[in-house]
């Protein structure tokens, strides 16, 4: 993986509450695959505070966040 990409992903993972880069990458890949499988188009990269809370809660329930 290019160092620049890894650095950006690491910053993004930390800012969204993930404990590790690998957990964040797995989450992102699952989202991408889900969108491909359902035919959904990617949404603009913005999230509300409420949306962020919902995502974090779901990830906690799945065991990705403490």
Foldseek 3Di string as FASTA:
>chain_A
DDPVVLVVLVVVCVVLQFPDSVLSVVVVVVVVVVCVVVVHDDDDPDADPVRSVVVVVVCVVVVRHD
